[in-house]
């Protein structure tokens, strides 16, 4: 295939781009580098720095492209509460600009990286794609709105469209920002350096942690699978893990005893969220290969940050994790 990956220098985008190149596909990458790093991209990927709202640049990059993987977005739930207009502008407006350009150029298919946060609190667990969304933050609203735009414009313009609702992805090279860091790389870092792990609530809240390689496999499958036009598909591990169980697993993998501080005064987010993968198995043949324990072991050995810190013992400041 000839592909364009928007947000292709980010965590998921880099992993996807490199896998596509290794599989022999021609890959163009567009990223504004607000959170990405092109240094991790395969040298055969063609990188362009730019904004997904730049229509003329999109027209150029989309020439002769077979499939677009749309991953470009602002991704912090907490930040979206403070800057909802920016999240609407980038995540919704950027998606509309991209789909318009795809329509103009005549690209056949777009695979959209949506988010499980659109579900919000659900009584039914695991959550299936038929559950009515209850987005509880502007970020989640922006992802849901982008889904509707992609499907509406795609249906009117004969573009094949599929949205993957990705649960809590983790893996090597995942960015750890100064605030609101993803929970797995943050907690791994703190365990290895002797810093305390701060858990809001009682630690019984659960999530579905999915290894990045499994997400990449699902994205590529969605680009070529028949009968997925207008489909919404959950991508997770299908395994429900509490925050307390995650901490215990990190202790086992690292061989160190985590020091945990519980903060009962602040809520821990949704009580439960785990993916029903029936649709993914049926439409994509998707079966996650990586268990949480094996994924944490691979993260420990393959991510240079953690491999170095197993011996360094350096302790950073305690940060607050994302556990949405």
Protein backbone atom coordinates (compact mmCIF):
# COMPACT_ATOMS: atom_id res chain seq x y z
CA UNK A 1 0.00 0.00 0.00
CA UNK A 2 0.86 3.65 -0.25
CA UNK A 3 -0.14 5.18 3.09
CA UNK A 4 -0.32 8.47 4.91
CA UNK A 5 -0.10 8.38 8.71
CA UNK A 6 -1.20 11.60 10.40
CA UNK A 7 0.30 11.99 13.85
CA UNK A 8 2.87 9.50 12.59
CA UNK A 9 5.69 10.70 14.85
CA UNK A 10 3.71 10.10 18.02
CA UNK A 11 3.66 6.97 20.18
CA UNK A 12 1.16 4.93 18.19
CA UNK A 13 2.03 6.61 14.91
CA UNK A 14 5.73 5.74 15.13
CA UNK A 15 5.02 2.10 15.92
CA UNK A 16 2.51 1.90 13.06
CA UNK A 17 4.77 3.68 10.55
CA UNK A 18 7.75 1.48 11.32
CA UNK A 19 5.71 -1.70 11.04
CA UNK A 20 4.24 -0.58 7.70
CA UNK A 21 7.69 0.22 6.30
CA UNK A 22 9.08 -3.09 7.53
CA UNK A 23 6.20 -4.87 5.79
CA UNK A 24 7.16 -3.23 2.50
CA UNK A 25 4.57 -0.43 2.28
CA UNK A 26 5.33 3.12 1.15
CA UNK A 27 4.62 5.47 4.06
CA UNK A 28 4.29 9.23 4.30
CA UNK A 29 4.09 10.79 7.76
CA UNK A 30 2.51 14.12 8.73
CA UNK A 31 3.07 15.44 12.26
CA UNK A 32 3.23 18.93 13.77
CA UNK A 33 5.67 17.67 16.46
CA UNK A 34 3.62 19.17 19.28
CA UNK A 35 4.05 15.81 21.00
CA UNK A 36 5.87 13.66 18.43
CA UNK A 37 9.52 12.89 17.72
CA UNK A 38 10.61 11.99 14.17
CA UNK A 39 13.87 10.54 15.53
CA UNK A 40 12.19 7.20 16.12
CA UNK A 41 10.87 6.79 12.57
CA UNK A 42 12.25 4.25 10.11
CA UNK A 43 14.61 6.03 7.67
CA UNK A 44 12.50 4.89 4.70
CA UNK A 45 9.42 6.73 5.98
CA UNK A 46 8.89 10.11 4.29
CA UNK A 47 8.37 12.67 7.05
CA UNK A 48 6.69 16.05 6.64
CA UNK A 49 6.22 18.50 9.47
CA UNK A 50 2.83 20.15 9.24
CA UNK A 51 -0.65 20.66 10.57
CA UNK A 52 -3.52 18.33 9.73
CA UNK A 53 -5.65 21.42 9.06
CA UNK A 54 -3.35 22.56 6.21
CA UNK A 55 -5.46 21.63 3.18
CA UNK A 56 -2.88 22.47 0.44
CA UNK A 57 -0.26 20.36 2.20
CA UNK A 58 -2.78 17.52 2.57
CA UNK A 59 -3.60 17.62 -1.15
CA UNK A 60 0.09 17.15 -1.92
CA UNK A 61 0.67 14.35 0.59
CA UNK A 62 -2.47 12.44 -0.42
CA UNK A 63 -1.54 12.04 -4.08
CA UNK A 64 -1.60 8.33 -5.09
CA UNK A 65 -2.30 7.24 -1.48
CA UNK A 66 -4.39 4.10 -0.96
CA UNK A 67 -5.18 4.45 2.76
CA UNK A 68 -4.93 7.13 5.43
CA UNK A 69 -4.35 6.26 9.08
CA UNK A 70 -5.63 9.27 11.02
CA UNK A 71 -3.97 9.41 14.44
CA UNK A 72 -3.21 13.14 14.71
CA UNK A 73 -4.93 14.64 17.75
CA UNK A 74 -4.52 16.41 21.04
CA UNK A 75 -4.79 13.55 23.55
CA UNK A 76 -4.85 14.77 27.17
CA UNK A 77 -8.20 14.37 28.89
CA UNK A 78 -7.24 16.78 31.67
CA UNK A 79 -5.83 19.40 29.29
CA UNK A 80 -9.01 19.26 27.20
CA UNK A 81 -11.02 20.40 30.22
CA UNK A 82 -8.93 23.60 30.31
CA UNK A 83 -8.67 24.10 26.53
CA UNK A 84 -11.87 22.67 25.00
CA UNK A 85 -11.80 25.09 22.05
CA UNK A 86 -8.32 23.95 20.99
CA UNK A 87 -9.36 20.29 21.24
CA UNK A 88 -12.40 20.97 19.12
CA UNK A 89 -10.31 22.91 16.60
CA UNK A 90 -7.60 20.26 16.22
CA UNK A 91 -9.43 16.99 16.81
CA UNK A 92 -12.69 17.85 15.08
CA UNK A 93 -11.69 20.62 12.68
CA UNK A 94 -8.51 18.80 11.69
CA UNK A 95 -10.48 15.63 10.98
CA UNK A 96 -12.97 17.48 8.81
CA UNK A 97 -10.14 19.15 6.85
CA UNK A 98 -8.48 15.79 6.32
CA UNK A 99 -11.63 14.02 5.14
CA UNK A 100 -12.42 16.90 2.77
CA UNK A 101 -8.94 16.59 1.28
CA UNK A 102 -9.34 12.81 1.02
CA UNK A 103 -12.60 13.37 -0.83
CA UNK A 104 -10.99 15.89 -3.17
CA UNK A 105 -8.05 13.64 -4.02
CA UNK A 106 -9.99 10.38 -4.17
CA UNK A 107 -8.34 8.21 -1.50
CA UNK A 108 -10.18 4.93 -1.02
CA UNK A 109 -10.11 4.34 2.75
CA UNK A 110 -9.45 6.08 6.07
CA UNK A 111 -8.77 4.27 9.34
CA UNK A 112 -9.46 6.55 12.30
CA UNK A 113 -7.82 6.11 15.68
CA UNK A 114 -10.68 6.89 18.04
CA UNK A 115 -10.74 6.35 21.80
CA UNK A 116 -12.53 4.21 24.37
CA UNK A 117 -13.04 7.38 26.42
CA UNK A 118 -16.13 8.07 24.29
CA UNK A 119 -17.97 5.37 26.28
CA UNK A 120 -17.75 7.11 29.65
CA UNK A 121 -19.42 5.27 32.51
CA UNK A 122 -21.26 2.14 31.41
CA UNK A 123 -23.29 -0.33 33.45
CA UNK A 124 -22.61 -3.09 30.95
CA UNK A 125 -19.09 -4.53 31.05
CA UNK A 126 -17.29 -5.45 28.85
CA UNK A 127 -18.49 -2.56 26.70
CA UNK A 128 -19.55 -3.33 23.14
CA UNK A 129 -19.78 -0.96 20.20
CA UNK A 130 -23.57 -0.92 20.63
CA UNK A 131 -23.30 0.81 24.03
CA UNK A 132 -24.53 4.40 23.91
CA UNK A 133 -21.55 6.77 24.40
CA UNK A 134 -21.42 9.03 27.46
CA UNK A 135 -18.30 11.16 26.88
CA UNK A 136 -17.35 12.99 30.07
CA UNK A 137 -14.54 15.30 28.89
CA UNK A 138 -14.01 17.54 25.85
CA UNK A 139 -11.35 15.14 24.55
CA UNK A 140 -13.86 12.30 24.44
CA UNK A 141 -16.49 14.57 22.86
CA UNK A 142 -14.00 15.58 20.17
CA UNK A 143 -13.25 11.95 19.31
CA UNK A 144 -16.94 11.07 19.10
CA UNK A 145 -17.67 14.11 16.92
CA UNK A 146 -14.78 13.17 14.64
CA UNK A 147 -16.26 9.68 14.24
CA UNK A 148 -19.58 11.15 13.12
CA UNK A 149 -17.91 13.51 10.64
CA UNK A 150 -15.79 10.74 9.13
CA UNK A 151 -18.76 8.45 8.68
CA UNK A 152 -21.06 11.18 7.33
CA UNK A 153 -18.59 12.59 4.79
CA UNK A 154 -17.39 9.11 3.90
CA UNK A 155 -20.92 7.92 3.20
CA UNK A 156 -21.68 10.96 1.03
CA UNK A 157 -18.38 10.73 -0.87
CA UNK A 158 -17.94 6.95 -1.26
CA UNK A 159 -14.91 6.81 1.03
CA UNK A 160 -14.53 3.60 3.04
CA UNK A 161 -14.31 4.59 6.69
CA UNK A 162 -13.60 2.62 9.86
CA UNK A 163 -13.07 3.85 13.43
CA UNK A 164 -11.08 1.89 15.98
CA UNK A 165 -11.91 2.75 19.59
CA UNK A 166 -8.55 2.12 21.22
CA UNK A 167 -8.38 1.36 24.93
CA UNK A 168 -5.34 2.08 27.18
CA UNK A 169 -2.39 1.45 24.87
CA UNK A 170 1.14 1.18 26.26
CA UNK A 171 4.59 0.14 25.08
CA UNK A 172 8.15 1.32 24.42
CA UNK A 173 8.82 4.98 23.58
CA UNK A 174 5.57 6.18 25.13
CA UNK A 175 5.95 9.82 26.09
CA UNK A 176 5.88 10.74 29.81
CA UNK A 177 5.00 14.45 30.00
CA UNK A 178 5.61 16.52 33.18
CA UNK A 179 1.91 16.36 34.10
CA UNK A 180 -0.88 13.82 33.54
CA UNK A 181 1.42 11.08 32.31
CA UNK A 182 0.10 7.69 31.11
CA UNK A 183 -0.11 5.37 34.06
CA UNK A 184 2.03 2.42 32.92
CA UNK A 185 5.26 4.20 31.86
CA UNK A 186 4.92 6.59 34.80
CA UNK A 187 4.48 3.82 37.36
CA UNK A 188 7.26 1.74 35.75
CA UNK A 189 9.57 4.72 36.01
CA UNK A 190 8.68 5.35 39.66
CA UNK A 191 9.04 1.72 40.70
CA UNK A 192 12.49 1.50 39.13
CA UNK A 193 13.72 4.71 40.74
CA UNK A 194 12.17 4.27 44.16
CA UNK A 195 9.61 7.06 43.84
CA UNK A 196 6.17 6.65 45.35
CA UNK A 197 3.14 5.68 43.28
CA UNK A 198 0.14 7.91 43.97
CA UNK A 199 -3.21 6.18 43.50
CA UNK A 200 -6.35 8.28 43.57
CA UNK A 201 -9.23 6.42 45.22
CA UNK A 202 -8.88 2.83 46.41
CA UNK A 203 -7.11 1.36 43.37
CA UNK A 204 -10.01 -0.95 42.54
CA UNK A 205 -10.90 0.98 39.37
CA UNK A 206 -10.21 -1.14 36.29
CA UNK A 207 -9.04 -0.57 32.72
CA UNK A 208 -8.14 -2.54 29.62
CA UNK A 209 -4.40 -2.22 28.93
CA UNK A 210 -3.40 -3.20 25.39
CA UNK A 211 0.15 -3.53 24.09
CA UNK A 212 1.10 -1.23 21.22
CA UNK A 213 1.98 -4.09 18.83
CA UNK A 214 -1.57 -5.45 19.12
CA UNK A 215 -2.99 -2.00 18.33
CA UNK A 216 -0.73 -1.70 15.29
CA UNK A 217 -1.84 -5.11 14.04
CA UNK A 218 -5.48 -4.02 14.33
CA UNK A 219 -4.86 -0.74 12.48
CA UNK A 220 -3.19 -2.54 9.58
CA UNK A 221 -5.93 -5.17 9.47
CA UNK A 222 -8.55 -2.40 9.32
CA UNK A 223 -6.81 -0.95 6.25
CA UNK A 224 -7.30 -4.09 4.15
CA UNK A 225 -10.23 -5.99 5.69
CA UNK A 226 -13.38 -6.35 3.56
CA UNK A 227 -16.80 -5.36 4.88
CA UNK A 228 -15.67 -2.80 7.46
CA UNK A 229 -17.02 0.38 5.85
CA UNK A 230 -18.77 2.56 8.48
CA UNK A 231 -17.71 0.14 11.24
CA UNK A 232 -16.81 1.04 14.82
CA UNK A 233 -14.46 -1.55 16.36
CA UNK A 234 -13.10 -1.86 19.90
CA UNK A 235 -9.37 -2.54 20.18
CA UNK A 236 -8.12 -3.64 23.57
CA UNK A 237 -6.81 -6.70 25.37
CA UNK A 238 -10.22 -7.86 26.57
CA UNK A 239 -8.68 -8.27 30.04
CA UNK A 240 -9.87 -6.18 32.98
CA UNK A 241 -7.06 -5.03 35.31
CA UNK A 242 -7.40 -3.00 38.49
CA UNK A 243 -4.85 -0.35 39.33
CA UNK A 244 -3.84 -2.37 42.39
CA UNK A 245 -3.26 -5.43 40.20
CA UNK A 246 -1.18 -3.32 37.81
CA UNK A 247 1.04 -2.19 40.68
CA UNK A 248 1.47 -5.79 41.82
CA UNK A 249 2.42 -6.85 38.29
CA UNK A 250 4.98 -4.06 38.06
CA UNK A 251 6.50 -5.25 41.32
CA UNK A 252 6.80 -8.79 39.95
CA UNK A 253 8.29 -7.70 36.63
CA UNK A 254 10.85 -5.34 38.15
CA UNK A 255 11.64 -7.41 41.24
CA UNK A 256 11.09 -4.33 43.41
CA UNK A 257 8.51 -3.46 46.04
CA UNK A 258 6.42 -0.46 44.95
CA UNK A 259 5.72 2.18 47.56
CA UNK A 260 2.06 3.17 47.17
CA UNK A 261 0.33 6.27 48.52
CA UNK A 262 -3.48 6.30 48.34
CA UNK A 263 -5.30 9.59 47.96
CA UNK A 264 -8.94 8.96 48.92
CA UNK A 265 -9.89 12.62 48.55
CA UNK A 266 -9.61 12.56 44.77
CA UNK A 267 -11.63 10.23 42.59
CA UNK A 268 -9.94 7.62 40.44
CA UNK A 269 -12.02 8.15 37.31
CA UNK A 270 -14.42 5.61 35.85
CA UNK A 271 -14.95 2.56 38.07
CA UNK A 272 -14.66 0.04 35.22
CA UNK A 273 -13.84 -0.05 31.51
CA UNK A 274 -12.95 -3.15 29.51
CA UNK A 275 -13.43 -3.97 25.82
CA UNK A 276 -15.77 -6.48 24.26
CA UNK A 277 -13.68 -7.76 21.33
CA UNK A 278 -16.38 -9.78 19.55
CA UNK A 279 -16.64 -7.29 16.70
CA UNK A 280 -12.86 -7.05 16.33
CA UNK A 281 -12.53 -10.82 16.09
CA UNK A 282 -15.36 -11.06 13.58
CA UNK A 283 -14.38 -8.20 11.26
CA UNK A 284 -10.58 -8.07 11.61
CA UNK A 285 -9.61 -11.52 12.86
CA UNK A 286 -8.12 -9.62 15.80
CA UNK A 287 -6.77 -11.58 18.73
CA UNK A 288 -4.41 -9.74 21.08
CA UNK A 289 -1.19 -11.68 21.54
CA UNK A 290 0.44 -9.86 24.43
CA UNK A 291 -0.61 -10.46 28.03
CA UNK A 292 -0.14 -7.62 30.50
CA UNK A 293 2.71 -9.37 32.30
CA UNK A 294 4.54 -10.18 29.06
CA UNK A 295 3.94 -6.62 27.82
CA UNK A 296 5.42 -5.13 30.99
CA UNK A 297 8.44 -7.41 30.67
CA UNK A 298 8.97 -6.28 27.09
CA UNK A 299 8.54 -2.64 28.09
CA UNK A 300 11.20 -3.10 30.76
CA UNK A 301 13.74 -4.67 28.40
CA UNK A 302 13.06 -2.81 25.13
CA UNK A 303 12.59 0.76 26.36
CA UNK A 304 16.03 2.28 26.88
CA UNK A 305 14.77 4.61 29.61
CA UNK A 306 13.76 1.71 31.82
CA UNK A 307 16.64 -0.57 30.88
CA UNK A 308 19.06 2.14 32.06
CA UNK A 309 17.15 2.89 35.22
CA UNK A 310 17.13 -0.68 36.46
CA UNK A 311 20.70 0.04 37.53
CA UNK A 312 20.75 3.82 38.03
CA UNK A 313 18.35 4.19 40.96
CA UNK A 314 17.60 7.83 40.12
CA UNK A 315 14.33 9.09 41.59
CA UNK A 316 12.21 11.71 39.77
CA UNK A 317 9.51 13.87 41.24
CA UNK A 318 6.20 12.15 41.93
CA UNK A 319 3.76 12.77 39.07
CA UNK A 320 0.03 12.25 38.68
CA UNK A 321 -0.93 9.47 36.25
CA UNK A 322 -3.63 9.40 33.62
CA UNK A 323 -6.08 6.62 34.46
CA UNK A 324 -9.10 7.64 32.45
